[in-house]
Every structure is written in C-alpha cells, then in structure tokens.
C-alpha cells in the first residue's frame, strides 16, 4: 500500500512539473533592467570562448567568456568563468560557444553565476542587443492594443532590439542615479 501511495505521489509531482514546463510558466520573476543593473556585481559584454560540461552544485556548464567591454565591475577582468546550465526547474541559463552577449553576474563565494538566470543574459548580433527589456507604459485607451510592445509573461515589460551603445548608456545612467554609483567601476 505504501509503495502505491509513493508511486502516485511521484507521478503527480512529475505531471505537475511537466505541465508547468509545457505551458511555459517560468515561475521566475523578470527583473527590470534597473534592478538587474543595481544588483549585479559585474556587467560585461563578452564572447563565449569555451563551454565545458560540469557537475557542480546545481550547474551543468562552466562557460569561459572573453570580456570585450566592462560596464560595471573590476576593470582588470579579461576573462570570467561562469557556472550555468542550472538545474532549477524553469531556468534556461545555458551558453553556446562563440556567442556575443551582455551579462549581469553575481559573485558567489568562488565563482560567478548569472543574475536572474536566463533573464540576466542578452545576446548581441553585430552591435544590436537582442530582446532588450523595456517598461511598457500604461495604455491610456484600453480599447486600443499596444502592438509595439510584446509583454513578457504577464509583466509590464516588452522586448526590443536596441543598439549596444544605447544599452550601455542606459545602464550607466541607472548606476549613476544611485548615490555612489552602485558597486565597482562604471565606464561610459
């Protein structure tokens, strides 16, 4: 009898997990860019140099990134190793070799990880940051739809493609708006 109850319990958990993944519910809160900027220890533009399979805590990848621009953090950084591929149920924070990205990192003990999992990394193609987050202004006329804004999972944010220089300036303005400019180096 106990084995039957345990089997049913595991089946129910598996079904709930599968349903959550299938329906696309992330279960994670999408942070606005200003919060990402202020909470990150390091913000850099980098090219993914190497991705290794790993097994450390909850991570399955160790990505080595060559830093091409430092927005916030230690100006001496040339390379950073980031634990990723987390096994959290709804996280999708994997890296692919040769991708150009802007990433928001937090330092944990002896390693870096992405702040806010997949919502802390933005791909760059050429000089364009893809899927940059922006606040959707409230629609003054509820009968009209805002076709320019694509909301992210019931949040008041939309996604746009934006030039890297503009994104960099936006982050710098956010960091400067806080007394002391946040942690670390802020270059413009």
Protein backbone atom coordinates (compact mmCIF):
# COMPACT_ATOMS: atom_id res chain seq x y z
CA UNK A 1 0.00 0.00 0.00
CA UNK A 2 2.81 2.43 0.93
CA UNK A 3 4.56 1.76 -2.41
CA UNK A 4 1.35 2.56 -4.28
CA UNK A 5 0.90 5.85 -2.44
CA UNK A 6 4.54 6.78 -3.02
CA UNK A 7 4.26 5.90 -6.73
CA UNK A 8 1.12 8.02 -7.10
CA UNK A 9 2.79 10.92 -5.29
CA UNK A 10 5.80 10.77 -7.62
CA UNK A 11 3.51 10.55 -10.64
CA UNK A 12 1.56 13.62 -9.51
CA UNK A 13 4.79 15.60 -8.96
CA UNK A 14 6.10 14.55 -12.37
CA UNK A 15 2.81 15.55 -14.04
CA UNK A 16 2.79 18.96 -12.35
CA UNK A 17 6.41 19.55 -13.38
CA UNK A 18 5.70 18.51 -16.98
CA UNK A 19 2.59 20.69 -17.15
CA UNK A 20 4.49 23.73 -15.85
CA UNK A 21 7.24 23.27 -18.45
CA UNK A 22 4.78 22.60 -21.27
CA UNK A 23 2.69 25.66 -20.51
CA UNK A 24 5.81 27.79 -20.45
CA UNK A 25 5.30 29.09 -16.95
CA UNK A 26 8.72 30.21 -15.85
CA UNK A 27 7.98 30.62 -12.17
CA UNK A 28 10.75 33.25 -12.11
CA UNK A 29 10.28 36.95 -11.77
CA UNK A 30 11.60 39.00 -14.68
CA UNK A 31 13.65 41.84 -13.19
CA UNK A 32 13.55 45.29 -14.76
CA UNK A 33 16.87 46.44 -16.23
CA UNK A 34 17.46 48.99 -13.46
CA UNK A 35 17.15 46.27 -10.80
CA UNK A 36 19.44 43.95 -12.78
CA UNK A 37 21.99 46.77 -13.10
CA UNK A 38 21.98 47.63 -9.42
CA UNK A 39 22.03 44.06 -8.09
CA UNK A 40 24.74 42.77 -10.44
CA UNK A 41 28.31 42.68 -9.15
CA UNK A 42 29.65 42.64 -12.71
CA UNK A 43 28.09 43.71 -16.02
CA UNK A 44 30.12 42.91 -19.11
CA UNK A 45 29.97 42.38 -22.81
CA UNK A 46 31.74 39.12 -23.59
CA UNK A 47 32.28 36.47 -26.21
CA UNK A 48 31.77 32.87 -25.14
CA UNK A 49 35.17 31.24 -25.63
CA UNK A 50 34.56 27.77 -24.22
CA UNK A 51 31.69 25.80 -22.71
CA UNK A 52 32.50 22.72 -20.65
CA UNK A 53 30.17 20.13 -19.20
CA UNK A 54 30.31 20.26 -15.44
CA UNK A 55 28.71 18.93 -12.33
CA UNK A 56 28.97 21.42 -9.51
CA UNK A 57 26.15 22.07 -7.06
CA UNK A 58 23.17 22.70 -9.34
CA UNK A 59 25.15 23.59 -12.50
CA UNK A 60 25.87 21.53 -15.62
CA UNK A 61 28.07 24.02 -17.51
CA UNK A 62 31.17 26.06 -16.88
CA UNK A 63 31.48 28.77 -19.51
CA UNK A 64 34.66 30.73 -20.09
CA UNK A 65 34.00 34.17 -21.52
CA UNK A 66 36.45 36.64 -23.03
CA UNK A 67 35.46 40.12 -21.86
CA UNK A 68 35.32 42.77 -24.56
CA UNK A 69 33.78 45.61 -22.51
CA UNK A 70 33.27 46.19 -18.78
CA UNK A 71 30.25 48.28 -17.82
CA UNK A 72 30.36 47.55 -14.09
CA UNK A 73 32.97 45.67 -12.11
CA UNK A 74 36.71 45.15 -11.91
CA UNK A 75 38.44 46.90 -14.83
CA UNK A 76 41.24 44.31 -14.73
CA UNK A 77 38.95 41.44 -15.77
CA UNK A 78 39.94 39.97 -19.12
CA UNK A 79 38.17 36.65 -18.76
CA UNK A 80 35.45 35.31 -16.50
CA UNK A 81 34.26 31.79 -15.75
CA UNK A 82 30.53 31.45 -15.18
CA UNK A 83 28.64 28.49 -13.76
CA UNK A 84 25.47 27.97 -15.77
CA UNK A 85 23.04 25.35 -17.02
CA UNK A 86 21.35 25.35 -13.67
CA UNK A 87 19.02 22.50 -12.86
CA UNK A 88 16.35 24.76 -11.33
CA UNK A 89 13.08 23.59 -12.77
CA UNK A 90 12.36 26.59 -15.03
CA UNK A 91 15.82 28.03 -15.59
CA UNK A 92 17.37 28.08 -19.04
CA UNK A 93 20.73 29.75 -18.47
CA UNK A 94 22.95 27.88 -20.90
CA UNK A 95 25.76 29.33 -23.01
CA UNK A 96 26.79 28.45 -26.58
CA UNK A 97 30.33 28.84 -27.89
CA UNK A 98 31.16 31.98 -29.92
CA UNK A 99 28.02 33.87 -28.83
CA UNK A 100 28.46 37.58 -28.11
CA UNK A 101 26.46 38.55 -25.01
CA UNK A 102 25.88 41.20 -22.38
CA UNK A 103 25.59 39.53 -19.00
CA UNK A 104 24.68 40.52 -15.47
CA UNK A 105 26.71 38.46 -12.99
CA UNK A 106 26.77 37.96 -9.26
CA UNK A 107 29.75 36.64 -7.37
CA UNK A 108 29.06 33.72 -5.07
CA UNK A 109 31.93 32.58 -2.89
CA UNK A 110 34.48 31.48 -5.51
CA UNK A 111 32.50 31.73 -8.75
CA UNK A 112 30.21 33.86 -10.88
CA UNK A 113 26.70 32.99 -11.97
CA UNK A 114 24.04 34.79 -13.99
CA UNK A 115 21.82 37.11 -12.03
CA UNK A 116 18.18 36.11 -12.64
CA UNK A 117 19.08 33.01 -14.69
CA UNK A 118 18.12 33.38 -18.39
CA UNK A 119 16.75 36.85 -17.72
CA UNK A 120 20.28 38.08 -16.93
CA UNK A 121 21.77 37.42 -20.36
CA UNK A 122 21.15 39.26 -23.62
CA UNK A 123 22.52 38.08 -26.98
CA UNK A 124 24.29 40.59 -29.22
CA UNK A 125 24.34 40.35 -33.01
CA UNK A 126 26.67 42.84 -34.65
CA UNK A 127 26.14 45.90 -32.47
CA UNK A 128 22.49 45.14 -31.67
CA UNK A 129 21.37 43.78 -28.30
CA UNK A 130 18.51 41.36 -28.93
CA UNK A 131 15.46 41.15 -26.68
CA UNK A 132 16.38 44.13 -24.52
CA UNK A 133 13.80 44.75 -21.84
CA UNK A 134 11.84 47.99 -21.59
CA UNK A 135 8.94 49.13 -19.44
CA UNK A 136 5.60 49.20 -21.26
CA UNK A 137 3.82 52.45 -20.48
CA UNK A 138 0.22 52.05 -19.35
CA UNK A 139 -2.21 52.26 -22.26
CA UNK A 140 -4.37 55.37 -21.78
CA UNK A 141 -7.05 53.95 -24.11
CA UNK A 142 -7.99 50.40 -23.01
CA UNK A 143 -9.91 49.85 -26.30
CA UNK A 144 -6.65 50.06 -28.29
CA UNK A 145 -3.90 47.49 -28.16
CA UNK A 146 -0.25 48.43 -27.98
CA UNK A 147 1.11 46.49 -30.97
CA UNK A 148 4.67 47.75 -30.45
CA UNK A 149 5.00 46.06 -27.08
CA UNK A 150 5.40 42.34 -26.59
CA UNK A 151 4.79 41.65 -22.87
CA UNK A 152 6.99 39.10 -21.12
CA UNK A 153 4.97 36.59 -19.13
CA UNK A 154 2.41 38.95 -17.60
CA UNK A 155 4.98 41.57 -16.66
CA UNK A 156 4.89 45.24 -17.57
CA UNK A 157 7.93 44.77 -19.83
CA UNK A 158 8.37 44.42 -23.56
CA UNK A 159 11.23 43.26 -25.72
CA UNK A 160 13.04 45.30 -28.35
CA UNK A 161 16.29 45.14 -30.27
CA UNK A 162 18.48 48.08 -29.28
CA UNK A 163 21.96 49.30 -30.18
CA UNK A 164 24.73 48.26 -27.78
CA UNK A 165 25.88 51.87 -27.20
CA UNK A 166 22.36 52.90 -26.18
CA UNK A 167 22.04 49.90 -23.84
CA UNK A 168 25.40 50.73 -22.27
CA UNK A 169 24.36 54.35 -21.70
CA UNK A 170 21.04 53.23 -20.20
CA UNK A 171 22.85 51.02 -17.69
CA UNK A 172 25.39 53.76 -16.87
CA UNK A 173 22.58 56.29 -16.23
CA UNK A 174 20.87 53.81 -13.89
CA UNK A 175 24.08 53.19 -11.97
CA UNK A 176 24.86 56.91 -11.71
CA UNK A 177 21.36 57.66 -10.43
CA UNK A 178 22.13 55.75 -7.25
CA UNK A 179 24.23 57.57 -4.70
CA UNK A 180 27.79 56.33 -5.07
CA UNK A 181 27.04 54.85 -8.49
CA UNK A 182 26.49 51.28 -7.31
CA UNK A 183 29.35 48.83 -6.81
CA UNK A 184 32.54 48.83 -8.80
CA UNK A 185 33.69 50.61 -11.90
CA UNK A 186 31.26 52.38 -14.19
CA UNK A 187 32.66 53.46 -17.53
CA UNK A 188 30.81 55.24 -20.32
